């Protein structure tokens, strides 16, 4: 089927420009114009076979995402003012959380995109996560 599709497209897209071309011209047109779109499509598939899908999470990323989403669902009172640039909260809950998250911090930023979750790395110094893309523009 692939060969038949290649020849059909080659005849419709390339050979209709030439009336009874010689074999060398037909071969040149096949190599330069007929196979090029297939080669580009093949290279796209080889580079990223799941293009358009979210990247799969590994190890701690799954647990961090579950903890983040669970904290998003909790109710907060507005008595705490978290420091978003250092990713610190004055409430005592953050230091006891296994991934140094707090419901006040999580509520201050928008829900991260799927690409952010695949790149998240938990660090041991402040800020504990790369949250530059999540912060509002004034911060």
Foldseek 3Di string as FASTA:
>chain_A
DVVVVLVVCCCVPPVVVDDPDDPVVSVVCCVPPRCVVVVVVVVVCVVPVPPPDFDDADDCLVVVVVVLVVLCPDDDDPPWDADQQQQGTPDPVQVVDPQSHHSVNSNQWDDDDSNLSRVWDQDPGTPRTPCPVGHDPVD
